[in-house]
C-alpha atoms as a PDB file:
ATOM      1  CA  UNK A   1      37.286-101.012 -49.740  1.00  0.00           C
ATOM      2  CA  UNK A   2      36.940-100.101 -53.395  1.00  0.00           C
ATOM      3  CA  UNK A   3      34.058 -99.535 -55.761  1.00  0.00           C
ATOM      4  CA  UNK A   4      33.678 -99.911 -59.499  1.00  0.00           C
ATOM      5  CA  UNK A   5      32.493 -96.833 -61.380  1.00  0.00           C
ATOM      6  CA  UNK A   6      31.544 -96.756 -65.050  1.00  0.00           C
ATOM      7  CA  UNK A   7      31.619 -93.285 -66.610  1.00  0.00           C
ATOM      8  CA  UNK A   8      31.336 -91.765 -70.068  1.00  0.00           C
ATOM      9  CA  UNK A   9      33.955 -89.188 -70.977  1.00  0.00           C
ATOM     10  CA  UNK A  10      33.980 -86.556 -73.675  1.00  0.00           C
ATOM     11  CA  UNK A  11      36.488 -87.300 -76.430  1.00  0.00           C
ATOM     12  CA  UNK A  12      38.795 -84.462 -75.390  1.00  0.00           C
ATOM     13  CA  UNK A  13      38.894 -85.671 -71.774  1.00  0.00           C
ATOM     14  CA  UNK A  14      39.496 -89.268 -72.820  1.00  0.00           C
ATOM     15  CA  UNK A  15      42.283 -88.191 -75.181  1.00  0.00           C
ATOM     16  CA  UNK A  16      44.107 -86.306 -72.411  1.00  0.00           C
ATOM     17  CA  UNK A  17      43.613 -89.208 -70.018  1.00  0.00           C
ATOM     18  CA  UNK A  18      44.907 -91.888 -72.380  1.00  0.00           C
ATOM     19  CA  UNK A  19      47.808 -89.772 -73.656  1.00  0.00           C
ATOM     20  CA  UNK A  20      48.917 -88.912 -70.122  1.00  0.00           C
ATOM     21  CA  UNK A  21      48.532 -92.506 -68.945  1.00  0.00           C
ATOM     22  CA  UNK A  22      50.659 -93.740 -71.846  1.00  0.00           C
ATOM     23  CA  UNK A  23      53.362 -91.141 -71.123  1.00  0.00           C
ATOM     24  CA  UNK A  24      53.698 -92.267 -67.523  1.00  0.00           C
ATOM     25  CA  UNK A  25      53.213 -95.968 -68.201  1.00  0.00           C
ATOM     26  CA  UNK A  26      49.884 -96.471 -66.441  1.00  0.00           C
ATOM     27  CA  UNK A  27      46.489 -97.760 -67.421  1.00  0.00           C
ATOM     28  CA  UNK A  28      43.955 -94.976 -68.063  1.00  0.00           C
ATOM     29  CA  UNK A  29      41.679 -96.456 -65.385  1.00  0.00           C
ATOM     30  CA  UNK A  30      44.444 -96.253 -62.791  1.00  0.00           C
ATOM     31  CA  UNK A  31      45.282 -92.674 -63.703  1.00  0.00           C
ATOM     32  CA  UNK A  32      41.609 -91.641 -63.648  1.00  0.00           C
ATOM     33  CA  UNK A  33      41.263 -93.111 -60.151  1.00  0.00           C
ATOM     34  CA  UNK A  34      44.367 -91.204 -59.019  1.00  0.00           C
ATOM     35  CA  UNK A  35      43.013 -87.963 -60.471  1.00  0.00           C
ATOM     36  CA  UNK A  36      39.665 -88.455 -58.744  1.00  0.00           C
ATOM     37  CA  UNK A  37      41.404 -89.218 -55.448  1.00  0.00           C
ATOM     38  CA  UNK A  38      43.585 -86.104 -55.752  1.00  0.00           C
ATOM     39  CA  UNK A  39      40.676 -83.769 -56.498  1.00  0.00           C
ATOM     40  CA  UNK A  40      38.572 -85.255 -53.701  1.00  0.00           C
ATOM     41  CA  UNK A  41      41.430 -84.686 -51.228  1.00  0.00           C
ATOM     42  CA  UNK A  42      41.826 -81.133 -52.508  1.00  0.00           C
ATOM     43  CA  UNK A  43      38.124 -80.476 -51.975  1.00  0.00           C
ATOM     44  CA  UNK A  44      38.105 -81.901 -48.456  1.00  0.00           C
ATOM     45  CA  UNK A  45      41.459 -80.447 -47.358  1.00  0.00           C
ATOM     46  CA  UNK A  46      40.997 -76.906 -48.705  1.00  0.00           C
ATOM     47  CA  UNK A  47      42.761 -74.563 -46.230  1.00  0.00           C
ATOM     48  CA  UNK A  48      40.632 -71.581 -47.288  1.00  0.00           C
ATOM     49  CA  UNK A  49      37.310 -73.345 -46.701  1.00  0.00           C
ATOM     50  CA  UNK A  50      37.176 -72.279 -43.060  1.00  0.00           C
ATOM     51  CA  UNK A  51      36.961 -68.651 -44.189  1.00  0.00           C
ATOM     52  CA  UNK A  52      34.100 -69.122 -46.665  1.00  0.00           C
ATOM     53  CA  UNK A  53      31.223 -66.955 -45.500  1.00  0.00           C
ATOM     54  CA  UNK A  54      33.294 -65.216 -42.828  1.00  0.00           C
ATOM     55  CA  UNK A  55      33.625 -61.963 -44.779  1.00  0.00           C
ATOM     56  CA  UNK A  56      30.902 -60.033 -46.591  1.00  0.00           C
ATOM     57  CA  UNK A  57      31.909 -59.413 -50.182  1.00  0.00           C
ATOM     58  CA  UNK A  58      30.261 -58.493 -53.474  1.00  0.00           C
ATOM     59  CA  UNK A  59      32.226 -61.351 -55.053  1.00  0.00           C
ATOM     60  CA  UNK A  60      29.661 -64.133 -55.324  1.00  0.00           C
ATOM     61  CA  UNK A  61      31.895 -66.937 -56.638  1.00  0.00           C
ATOM     62  CA  UNK A  62      34.681 -66.680 -54.050  1.00  0.00           C
ATOM     63  CA  UNK A  63      34.044 -70.192 -52.689  1.00  0.00           C
ATOM     64  CA  UNK A  64      34.476 -71.777 -56.113  1.00  0.00           C
ATOM     65  CA  UNK A  65      37.136 -69.464 -57.513  1.00  0.00           C
ATOM     66  CA  UNK A  66      39.326 -68.541 -54.523  1.00  0.00           C
ATOM     67  CA  UNK A  67      42.410 -70.230 -55.981  1.00  0.00           C
ATOM     68  CA  UNK A  68      42.030 -68.208 -59.190  1.00  0.00           C
ATOM     69  CA  UNK A  69      41.560 -64.958 -57.264  1.00  0.00           C
ATOM     70  CA  UNK A  70      44.569 -65.643 -55.037  1.00  0.00           C
ATOM     71  CA  UNK A  71      46.673 -66.585 -58.058  1.00  0.00           C
ATOM     72  CA  UNK A  72      45.667 -63.381 -59.830  1.00  0.00           C
ATOM     73  CA  UNK A  73      46.626 -61.351 -56.765  1.00  0.00           C
ATOM     74  CA  UNK A  74      50.024 -63.068 -56.572  1.00  0.00           C
ATOM     75  CA  UNK A  75      50.662 -62.433 -60.277  1.00  0.00           C
ATOM     76  CA  UNK A  76      49.701 -58.755 -59.921  1.00  0.00           C
ATOM     77  CA  UNK A  77      51.993 -58.405 -56.896  1.00  0.00           C
ATOM     78  CA  UNK A  78      54.854 -60.065 -58.754  1.00  0.00           C
ATOM     79  CA  UNK A  79      54.279 -57.779 -61.753  1.00  0.00           C
ATOM     80  CA  UNK A  80      54.313 -54.697 -59.480  1.00  0.00           C
ATOM     81  CA  UNK A  81      57.592 -55.831 -57.944  1.00  0.00           C
ATOM     82  CA  UNK A  82      59.048 -56.499 -61.387  1.00  0.00           C
ATOM     83  CA  UNK A  83      57.893 -53.103 -62.715  1.00  0.00           C
ATOM     84  CA  UNK A  84      59.010 -50.984 -59.757  1.00  0.00           C
ATOM     85  CA  UNK A  85      61.515 -53.145 -57.979  1.00  0.00           C
ATOM     86  CA  UNK A  86      59.475 -52.912 -54.769  1.00  0.00           C
ATOM     87  CA  UNK A  87      56.105 -53.873 -53.377  1.00  0.00           C
ATOM     88  CA  UNK A  88      53.329 -51.325 -53.160  1.00  0.00           C
END
């Protein structure tokens, strides 16, 4: 089953969408649908979601920003390894 959705996009979003669609040889509508499908799967299949609320923390945006926090931690760990040649 499919549904038709009419949306208004900001110029900068539309520009990225149309440029990317042209580069990969797809219609912007098709690419937009693929992007929406991908983000919806990411939101429903988030492996960290089961831990949201399980730990008390002063960090109030963990649920929305966990990927950014984990990425920052990985980058800091990689930098420490690069700087010292070992993990801390």
